[in-house]
Amino acid sequence: VAEDLAAHFGMAWNDETRRLMMQNLRTGGYHIYTTLDPEVQKLVDDIYEDLDEIPEPYSKEQLQSGIVVVDNTTGDIVALSGGVGKKDGFDYWCRATDATLQTGSSIKPLTVYAPAFEAGLITPATIIDDIPLNYDDDPDGYPTNADYVYTGATTIYMGVTRSINTVACHVLSQLTPRFSFNFATENFHLNLLEEQIHDNGTVSTDIGIAPLGMGALSYGLTVEEMTVAFATFANAGV
């Protein structure tokens, strides 16, 4: 809120501005309005603040999580949590909005199937070969499916429901990674990396089969970005 207030006044964000805006919030008599739904937030907190609800791994290290709940019809964030356990402060690192993580296959509907349906390239009944896309660099073929099982002629419907890597990547290769990248960044507003040249001369980019077809992104996306993008499906494409 302090950062938004500084932007409202046209002030550069720095430590001094932060101090002034925090003082302003405490003493300025402002009314702060939020889209938070207390009932939904309580449902989230009942799980996230109770460590007995969080699975305990063999390593005994505390598992972490972030969640964002959106009203699909308005886009309002009605609840979120940036970590598990009781909160003992504020303005902490928020795993729901700050942490960029690999999306894995959850990116496929956004970067492969949505743009391909929109472009008229496929329908749910379209048949795609469930086989590796190519064998140029890998004698076993690339990409592989998680279970290393291939079923040949497969419908898009089955490719989506079973999250088959090869089906997604075949569609993406026809669609082209550039089309997919533009669609995801312009329509879903995903913060994907177009290109970054590192000091050693190597280049990172999310315009490719692995990032867009299987979610192996250069830096990843936030839970908030993914939630808002998926809300589009529940809101008839808007």
C-alpha atoms as a PDB file:
ATOM      1  CA  VAL A   1       0.000   0.000   0.000  1.00  0.00           C
ATOM      2  CA  ALA A   2       2.857   2.372   0.832  1.00  0.00           C
ATOM      3  CA  GLU A   3       4.443   1.699  -2.558  1.00  0.00           C
ATOM      4  CA  ASP A   4       1.148   2.339  -4.351  1.00  0.00           C
ATOM      5  CA  LEU A   5       0.711   5.557  -2.389  1.00  0.00           C
ATOM      6  CA  ALA A   6       4.176   6.726  -3.438  1.00  0.00           C
ATOM      7  CA  ALA A   7       3.322   6.001  -7.076  1.00  0.00           C
ATOM      8  CA  HIS A   8       0.091   7.987  -6.650  1.00  0.00           C
ATOM      9  CA  PHE A   9       2.160  10.993  -5.563  1.00  0.00           C
ATOM     10  CA  GLY A  10       4.738  10.426  -8.323  1.00  0.00           C
ATOM     11  CA  MET A  11       7.567   9.743  -5.862  1.00  0.00           C
ATOM     12  CA  ALA A  12      10.531   7.470  -6.581  1.00  0.00           C
ATOM     13  CA  TRP A  13      10.520   4.386  -4.364  1.00  0.00           C
ATOM     14  CA  ASN A  14      13.445   4.327  -1.944  1.00  0.00           C
ATOM     15  CA  ASP A  15      14.062   3.932   1.787  1.00  0.00           C
ATOM     16  CA  GLU A  16      13.199   7.540   2.584  1.00  0.00           C
ATOM     17  CA  THR A  17      10.004   7.435   0.511  1.00  0.00           C
ATOM     18  CA  ARG A  18       9.068   4.189   2.226  1.00  0.00           C
ATOM     19  CA  ARG A  19       9.533   5.801   5.652  1.00  0.00           C
ATOM     20  CA  LEU A  20       7.426   8.807   4.693  1.00  0.00           C
ATOM     21  CA  MET A  21       4.630   6.738   3.157  1.00  0.00           C
ATOM     22  CA  MET A  22       4.469   4.369   6.137  1.00  0.00           C
ATOM     23  CA  GLN A  23       4.200   7.394   8.439  1.00  0.00           C
ATOM     24  CA  ASN A  24       1.544   8.818   6.126  1.00  0.00           C
ATOM     25  CA  LEU A  25      -0.484   5.613   6.326  1.00  0.00           C
ATOM     26  CA  ARG A  26      -0.358   5.567  10.123  1.00  0.00           C
ATOM     27  CA  THR A  27      -1.301   9.217  10.620  1.00  0.00           C
ATOM     28  CA  GLY A  28      -3.071  10.372   7.445  1.00  0.00           C
ATOM     29  CA  GLY A  29      -6.542   9.057   8.217  1.00  0.00           C
ATOM     30  CA  TYR A  30      -6.750   7.054   5.015  1.00  0.00           C
ATOM     31  CA  HIS A  31      -9.411   4.491   4.260  1.00  0.00           C
ATOM     32  CA  ILE A  32      -7.880   1.410   2.624  1.00  0.00           C
ATOM     33  CA  TYR A  33     -10.172  -0.772   0.530  1.00  0.00           C
ATOM     34  CA  THR A  34      -9.341  -4.348  -0.394  1.00  0.00           C
ATOM     35  CA  THR A  35     -10.981  -7.114  -2.405  1.00  0.00           C
ATOM     36  CA  LEU A  36     -10.185  -9.587   0.399  1.00  0.00           C
ATOM     37  CA  ASP A  37     -13.087 -11.834   1.362  1.00  0.00           C
ATOM     38  CA  PRO A  38     -12.681 -12.612   5.089  1.00  0.00           C
ATOM     39  CA  GLU A  39     -14.643 -15.864   4.850  1.00  0.00           C
ATOM     40  CA  VAL A  40     -12.480 -17.212   2.034  1.00  0.00           C
ATOM     41  CA  GLN A  41      -9.305 -15.967   3.708  1.00  0.00           C
ATOM     42  CA  LYS A  42     -10.282 -17.816   6.895  1.00  0.00           C
ATOM     43  CA  LEU A  43     -10.622 -21.056   4.921  1.00  0.00           C
ATOM     44  CA  VAL A  44      -7.088 -20.520   3.583  1.00  0.00           C
ATOM     45  CA  ASP A  45      -5.673 -19.624   6.992  1.00  0.00           C
ATOM     46  CA  ASP A  46      -7.280 -22.634   8.674  1.00  0.00           C
ATOM     47  CA  ILE A  47      -5.065 -24.816   6.485  1.00  0.00           C
ATOM     48  CA  TYR A  48      -1.968 -22.678   6.033  1.00  0.00           C
ATOM     49  CA  GLU A  49      -1.537 -21.687   9.678  1.00  0.00           C
ATOM     50  CA  ASP A  50      -2.010 -25.223  10.989  1.00  0.00           C
ATOM     51  CA  LEU A  51       1.247 -27.111  10.443  1.00  0.00           C
ATOM     52  CA  ASP A  52      -0.531 -30.374  11.234  1.00  0.00           C
ATOM     53  CA  GLU A  53      -2.309 -29.900   7.896  1.00  0.00           C
ATOM     54  CA  ILE A  54       1.012 -29.686   6.011  1.00  0.00           C
ATOM     55  CA  PRO A  55       2.676 -32.987   5.014  1.00  0.00           C
ATOM     56  CA  GLU A  56       5.980 -33.668   6.749  1.00  0.00           C
ATOM     57  CA  PRO A  57       8.744 -34.792   4.380  1.00  0.00           C
ATOM     58  CA  TYR A  58      11.374 -37.398   5.243  1.00  0.00           C
ATOM     59  CA  SER A  59      13.989 -34.632   5.483  1.00  0.00           C
ATOM     60  CA  LYS A  60      11.959 -33.010   8.300  1.00  0.00           C
ATOM     61  CA  GLU A  61      12.452 -29.660   6.562  1.00  0.00           C
ATOM     62  CA  GLN A  62       9.285 -27.591   6.609  1.00  0.00           C
ATOM     63  CA  LEU A  63       7.425 -27.744   3.315  1.00  0.00           C
ATOM     64  CA  GLN A  64       6.334 -24.351   2.007  1.00  0.00           C
ATOM     65  CA  SER A  65       3.504 -23.224  -0.212  1.00  0.00           C
ATOM     66  CA  GLY A  66       1.733 -20.204  -1.616  1.00  0.00           C
ATOM     67  CA  ILE A  67      -1.875 -19.805  -2.702  1.00  0.00           C
ATOM     68  CA  VAL A  68      -3.930 -17.163  -4.511  1.00  0.00           C
ATOM     69  CA  VAL A  69      -7.736 -17.386  -4.752  1.00  0.00           C
ATOM     70  CA  VAL A  70      -9.390 -15.279  -7.448  1.00  0.00           C
ATOM     71  CA  ASP A  71     -13.014 -14.372  -8.142  1.00  0.00           C
ATOM     72  CA  ASN A  72     -13.101 -15.554 -11.750  1.00  0.00           C
ATOM     73  CA  THR A  73     -15.823 -13.116 -12.814  1.00  0.00           C
ATOM     74  CA  THR A  74     -14.092  -9.969 -11.549  1.00  0.00           C
ATOM     75  CA  GLY A  75     -10.411 -10.861 -11.342  1.00  0.00           C
ATOM     76  CA  ASP A  76     -10.382  -9.770  -7.693  1.00  0.00           C
ATOM     77  CA  ILE A  77      -7.964 -11.538  -5.382  1.00  0.00           C
ATOM     78  CA  VAL A  78     -10.197 -12.658  -2.508  1.00  0.00           C
ATOM     79  CA  ALA A  79      -7.639 -14.604  -0.467  1.00  0.00           C
ATOM     80  CA  LEU A  80      -3.968 -15.498  -0.454  1.00  0.00           C
ATOM     81  CA  SER A  81      -1.206 -16.860   1.685  1.00  0.00           C
ATOM     82  CA  GLY A  82       2.510 -16.451   1.156  1.00  0.00           C
ATOM     83  CA  GLY A  83       3.660 -19.286   3.378  1.00  0.00           C
ATOM     84  CA  VAL A  84       2.668 -21.816   6.010  1.00  0.00           C
ATOM     85  CA  GLY A  85       2.598 -21.345   9.771  1.00  0.00           C
ATOM     86  CA  LYS A  86       1.460 -18.529  12.049  1.00  0.00           C
ATOM     87  CA  LYS A  87       2.319 -15.037  10.840  1.00  0.00           C
ATOM     88  CA  ASP A  88       4.479 -13.009  13.237  1.00  0.00           C
ATOM     89  CA  GLY A  89       5.074  -9.928  11.089  1.00  0.00           C
ATOM     90  CA  PHE A  90       4.145  -8.163   7.872  1.00  0.00           C
ATOM     91  CA  ASP A  91       5.728  -7.278   4.520  1.00  0.00           C
ATOM     92  CA  TYR A  92       7.557 -10.612   4.478  1.00  0.00           C
ATOM     93  CA  TRP A  93       8.631 -12.524   1.388  1.00  0.00           C
ATOM     94  CA  CYS A  94       5.394 -13.798  -0.145  1.00  0.00           C
ATOM     95  CA  ARG A  95       5.580 -17.101  -1.974  1.00  0.00           C
ATOM     96  CA  ALA A  96       2.259 -16.332  -3.652  1.00  0.00           C
ATOM     97  CA  THR A  97       3.280 -13.067  -5.292  1.00  0.00           C
ATOM     98  CA  ASP A  98       7.093 -12.740  -5.030  1.00  0.00           C
ATOM     99  CA  ALA A  99       8.513 -16.211  -5.682  1.00  0.00           C
ATOM    100  CA  THR A 100       9.085 -17.191  -9.320  1.00  0.00           C
ATOM    101  CA  LEU A 101       8.920 -20.969  -9.717  1.00  0.00           C
ATOM    102  CA  GLN A 102       9.068 -23.502 -12.523  1.00  0.00           C
ATOM    103  CA  THR A 103       5.525 -24.147 -13.713  1.00  0.00           C
ATOM    104  CA  GLY A 104       6.075 -27.570 -15.237  1.00  0.00           C
ATOM    105  CA  SER A 105       3.166 -28.948 -17.241  1.00  0.00           C
ATOM    106  CA  SER A 106       0.655 -26.535 -15.730  1.00  0.00           C
ATOM    107  CA  ILE A 107       1.797 -24.041 -18.378  1.00  0.00           C
ATOM    108  CA  LYS A 108       0.583 -26.199 -21.297  1.00  0.00           C
ATOM    109  CA  PRO A 109      -3.038 -24.928 -21.378  1.00  0.00           C
ATOM    110  CA  LEU A 110      -1.751 -21.332 -21.444  1.00  0.00           C
ATOM    111  CA  THR A 111       1.088 -21.586 -23.946  1.00  0.00           C
ATOM    112  CA  VAL A 112       0.057 -24.519 -26.146  1.00  0.00           C
ATOM    113  CA  TYR A 113      -3.611 -25.396 -26.122  1.00  0.00           C
ATOM    114  CA  ALA A 114      -5.237 -21.971 -25.664  1.00  0.00           C
ATOM    115  CA  PRO A 115      -3.339 -20.333 -28.550  1.00  0.00           C
ATOM    116  CA  ALA A 116      -3.737 -23.429 -30.758  1.00  0.00           C
ATOM    117  CA  PHE A 117      -7.517 -23.520 -30.205  1.00  0.00           C
ATOM    118  CA  GLU A 118      -7.697 -19.760 -30.748  1.00  0.00           C
ATOM    119  CA  ALA A 119      -5.740 -20.044 -34.008  1.00  0.00           C
ATOM    120  CA  GLY A 120      -8.007 -22.841 -35.270  1.00  0.00           C
ATOM    121  CA  LEU A 121      -5.061 -25.225 -35.462  1.00  0.00           C
ATOM    122  CA  ILE A 122      -6.678 -27.971 -33.374  1.00  0.00           C
ATOM    123  CA  THR A 123      -9.950 -29.198 -31.898  1.00  0.00           C
ATOM    124  CA  PRO A 124     -10.397 -31.643 -29.002  1.00  0.00           C
ATOM    125  CA  ALA A 125     -10.813 -34.408 -31.596  1.00  0.00           C
ATOM    126  CA  THR A 126      -7.647 -33.613 -33.574  1.00  0.00           C
ATOM    127  CA  ILE A 127      -5.289 -36.600 -33.772  1.00  0.00           C
ATOM    128  CA  ILE A 128      -1.618 -36.116 -32.863  1.00  0.00           C
ATOM    129  CA  ASP A 129       1.105 -38.756 -32.835  1.00  0.00           C
ATOM    130  CA  ASP A 130       2.176 -39.497 -29.281  1.00  0.00           C
ATOM    131  CA  ILE A 131       5.814 -40.081 -30.217  1.00  0.00           C
ATOM    132  CA  PRO A 132       8.987 -38.058 -29.527  1.00  0.00           C
ATOM    133  CA  LEU A 133       9.193 -34.896 -31.594  1.00  0.00           C
ATOM    134  CA  ASN A 134      12.688 -35.581 -32.934  1.00  0.00           C
ATOM    135  CA  TYR A 135      15.755 -37.720 -32.518  1.00  0.00           C
ATOM    136  CA  ASP A 136      18.421 -35.199 -33.585  1.00  0.00           C
ATOM    137  CA  ASP A 137      20.225 -34.865 -30.252  1.00  0.00           C
ATOM    138  CA  ASP A 138      18.892 -37.864 -28.372  1.00  0.00           C
ATOM    139  CA  PRO A 139      18.874 -41.468 -29.640  1.00  0.00           C
ATOM    140  CA  ASP A 140      15.813 -42.125 -27.489  1.00  0.00           C
ATOM    141  CA  GLY A 141      13.985 -39.107 -28.858  1.00  0.00           C
ATOM    142  CA  TYR A 142      12.992 -35.767 -27.380  1.00  0.00           C
ATOM    143  CA  PRO A 143      10.892 -34.823 -25.577  1.00  0.00           C
ATOM    144  CA  THR A 144      10.002 -37.911 -23.588  1.00  0.00           C
ATOM    145  CA  ASN A 145       6.835 -38.609 -21.638  1.00  0.00           C
ATOM    146  CA  ALA A 146       7.047 -38.863 -17.868  1.00  0.00           C
ATOM    147  CA  ASP A 147       6.373 -42.627 -17.968  1.00  0.00           C
ATOM    148  CA  TYR A 148       8.340 -43.221 -21.205  1.00  0.00           C
ATOM    149  CA  VAL A 149       5.183 -44.728 -22.697  1.00  0.00           C
ATOM    150  CA  TYR A 150       3.941 -43.680 -26.157  1.00  0.00           C
ATOM    151  CA  THR A 151       0.539 -44.544 -27.558  1.00  0.00           C
ATOM    152  CA  GLY A 152       0.767 -43.308 -31.158  1.00  0.00           C
ATOM    153  CA  ALA A 153      -2.378 -41.672 -32.552  1.00  0.00           C
ATOM    154  CA  THR A 154      -3.896 -39.683 -29.676  1.00  0.00           C
ATOM    155  CA  THR A 155      -6.613 -37.041 -29.513  1.00  0.00           C
ATOM    156  CA  ILE A 156      -5.923 -33.571 -28.217  1.00  0.00           C
ATOM    157  CA  TYR A 157      -8.551 -34.264 -25.563  1.00  0.00           C
ATOM    158  CA  MET A 158      -6.463 -37.139 -24.190  1.00  0.00           C
ATOM    159  CA  GLY A 159      -3.281 -35.111 -24.586  1.00  0.00           C
ATOM    160  CA  VAL A 160      -4.723 -32.423 -22.331  1.00  0.00           C
ATOM    161  CA  THR A 161      -6.299 -34.689 -19.721  1.00  0.00           C
ATOM    162  CA  ARG A 162      -3.198 -36.874 -19.409  1.00  0.00           C
ATOM    163  CA  SER A 163      -0.787 -33.937 -19.850  1.00  0.00           C
ATOM    164  CA  ILE A 164       1.207 -35.814 -22.494  1.00  0.00           C
ATOM    165  CA  ASN A 165       4.500 -34.043 -23.204  1.00  0.00           C
ATOM    166  CA  THR A 166       4.895 -35.247 -26.783  1.00  0.00           C
ATOM    167  CA  VAL A 167       1.389 -34.175 -27.807  1.00  0.00           C
ATOM    168  CA  ALA A 168       1.884 -30.686 -26.378  1.00  0.00           C
ATOM    169  CA  CYS A 169       5.271 -30.311 -28.055  1.00  0.00           C
ATOM    170  CA  HIS A 170       3.994 -31.528 -31.452  1.00  0.00           C
ATOM    171  CA  VAL A 171       1.222 -28.926 -31.288  1.00  0.00           C
ATOM    172  CA  LEU A 172       3.685 -26.254 -30.161  1.00  0.00           C
ATOM    173  CA  SER A 173       6.049 -27.007 -33.050  1.00  0.00           C
ATOM    174  CA  GLN A 174       3.172 -26.483 -35.516  1.00  0.00           C
ATOM    175  CA  LEU A 175       1.994 -23.371 -33.706  1.00  0.00           C
ATOM    176  CA  THR A 176       5.631 -22.118 -33.435  1.00  0.00           C
ATOM    177  CA  PRO A 177       7.222 -21.045 -30.159  1.00  0.00           C
ATOM    178  CA  ARG A 178       7.179 -17.366 -31.226  1.00  0.00           C
ATOM    179  CA  PHE A 179       3.387 -17.406 -31.719  1.00  0.00           C
ATOM    180  CA  SER A 180       2.971 -19.165 -28.377  1.00  0.00           C
ATOM    181  CA  PHE A 181       5.253 -16.695 -26.588  1.00  0.00           C
ATOM    182  CA  ASN A 182       3.441 -13.667 -28.035  1.00  0.00           C
ATOM    183  CA  PHE A 183       0.036 -15.127 -27.133  1.00  0.00           C
ATOM    184  CA  ALA A 184       1.036 -15.925 -23.544  1.00  0.00           C
ATOM    185  CA  THR A 185       2.649 -12.555 -22.888  1.00  0.00           C
ATOM    186  CA  GLU A 186       0.046 -10.416 -24.656  1.00  0.00           C
ATOM    187  CA  ASN A 187      -3.148 -12.255 -23.664  1.00  0.00           C
ATOM    188  CA  PHE A 188      -2.291 -13.882 -20.332  1.00  0.00           C
ATOM    189  CA  HIS A 189       0.323 -11.248 -19.368  1.00  0.00           C
ATOM    190  CA  LEU A 190       2.795 -13.921 -18.293  1.00  0.00           C
ATOM    191  CA  ASN A 191       6.215 -12.513 -17.474  1.00  0.00           C
ATOM    192  CA  LEU A 192       8.175 -14.794 -19.795  1.00  0.00           C
ATOM    193  CA  LEU A 193      11.759 -14.074 -20.833  1.00  0.00           C
ATOM    194  CA  GLU A 194      12.196 -13.090 -24.475  1.00  0.00           C
ATOM    195  CA  GLU A 195      16.003 -12.996 -24.427  1.00  0.00           C
ATOM    196  CA  GLN A 196      18.833 -12.354 -21.996  1.00  0.00           C
ATOM    197  CA  ILE A 197      22.507 -12.360 -22.973  1.00  0.00           C
ATOM    198  CA  HIS A 198      24.752 -13.252 -20.043  1.00  0.00           C
ATOM    199  CA  ASP A 199      28.276 -11.978 -19.403  1.00  0.00           C
ATOM    200  CA  ASN A 200      29.776 -15.262 -20.607  1.00  0.00           C
ATOM    201  CA  GLY A 201      27.958 -14.955 -23.933  1.00  0.00           C
ATOM    202  CA  THR A 202      25.276 -17.569 -23.282  1.00  0.00           C
ATOM    203  CA  VAL A 203      21.692 -16.679 -24.082  1.00  0.00           C
ATOM    204  CA  SER A 204      18.597 -17.458 -22.015  1.00  0.00           C
ATOM    205  CA  THR A 205      15.137 -17.375 -23.564  1.00  0.00           C
ATOM    206  CA  ASP A 206      11.676 -18.808 -22.960  1.00  0.00           C
ATOM    207  CA  ILE A 207      10.955 -18.958 -26.690  1.00  0.00           C
ATOM    208  CA  GLY A 208      11.410 -22.667 -27.201  1.00  0.00           C
ATOM    209  CA  ILE A 209       9.910 -26.138 -26.965  1.00  0.00           C
ATOM    210  CA  ALA A 210      11.059 -26.967 -23.414  1.00  0.00           C
ATOM    211  CA  PRO A 211       9.969 -23.680 -21.766  1.00  0.00           C
ATOM    212  CA  LEU A 212       6.614 -23.277 -23.536  1.00  0.00           C
ATOM    213  CA  GLY A 213       5.769 -26.954 -24.048  1.00  0.00           C
ATOM    214  CA  MET A 214       6.812 -28.326 -20.659  1.00  0.00           C
ATOM    215  CA  GLY A 215       7.287 -25.325 -18.373  1.00  0.00           C
ATOM    216  CA  ALA A 216      11.104 -25.407 -18.100  1.00  0.00           C
ATOM    217  CA  LEU A 217      11.291 -21.613 -17.828  1.00  0.00           C
ATOM    218  CA  SER A 218      14.397 -19.488 -17.393  1.00  0.00           C
ATOM    219  CA  TYR A 219      13.165 -17.856 -14.177  1.00  0.00           C
ATOM    220  CA  GLY A 220       9.636 -19.115 -13.679  1.00  0.00           C
ATOM    221  CA  LEU A 221       6.317 -17.465 -12.867  1.00  0.00           C
ATOM    222  CA  THR A 222       4.486 -16.532  -9.685  1.00  0.00           C
ATOM    223  CA  VAL A 223       1.469 -18.325  -8.255  1.00  0.00           C
ATOM    224  CA  GLU A 224      -0.456 -15.078  -8.738  1.00  0.00           C
ATOM    225  CA  GLU A 225       0.373 -14.927 -12.463  1.00  0.00           C
ATOM    226  CA  MET A 226      -0.692 -18.519 -13.023  1.00  0.00           C
ATOM    227  CA  THR A 227      -3.910 -18.110 -11.014  1.00  0.00           C
ATOM    228  CA  VAL A 228      -5.023 -14.984 -12.850  1.00  0.00           C
ATOM    229  CA  ALA A 229      -4.223 -16.559 -16.225  1.00  0.00           C
ATOM    230  CA  PHE A 230      -6.203 -19.730 -15.463  1.00  0.00           C
ATOM    231  CA  ALA A 231      -9.161 -17.632 -14.255  1.00  0.00           C
ATOM    232  CA  THR A 232      -9.576 -16.647 -17.904  1.00  0.00           C
ATOM    233  CA  PHE A 233     -10.803 -20.155 -18.725  1.00  0.00           C
ATOM    234  CA  ALA A 234     -13.480 -19.976 -16.041  1.00  0.00           C
ATOM    235  CA  ASN A 235     -14.560 -16.544 -17.257  1.00  0.00           C
ATOM    236  CA  ALA A 236     -15.363 -17.510 -20.860  1.00  0.00           C
ATOM    237  CA  GLY A 237     -12.024 -16.348 -22.219  1.00  0.00           C
ATOM    238  CA  VAL A 238     -12.021 -12.867 -20.683  1.00  0.00           C
END
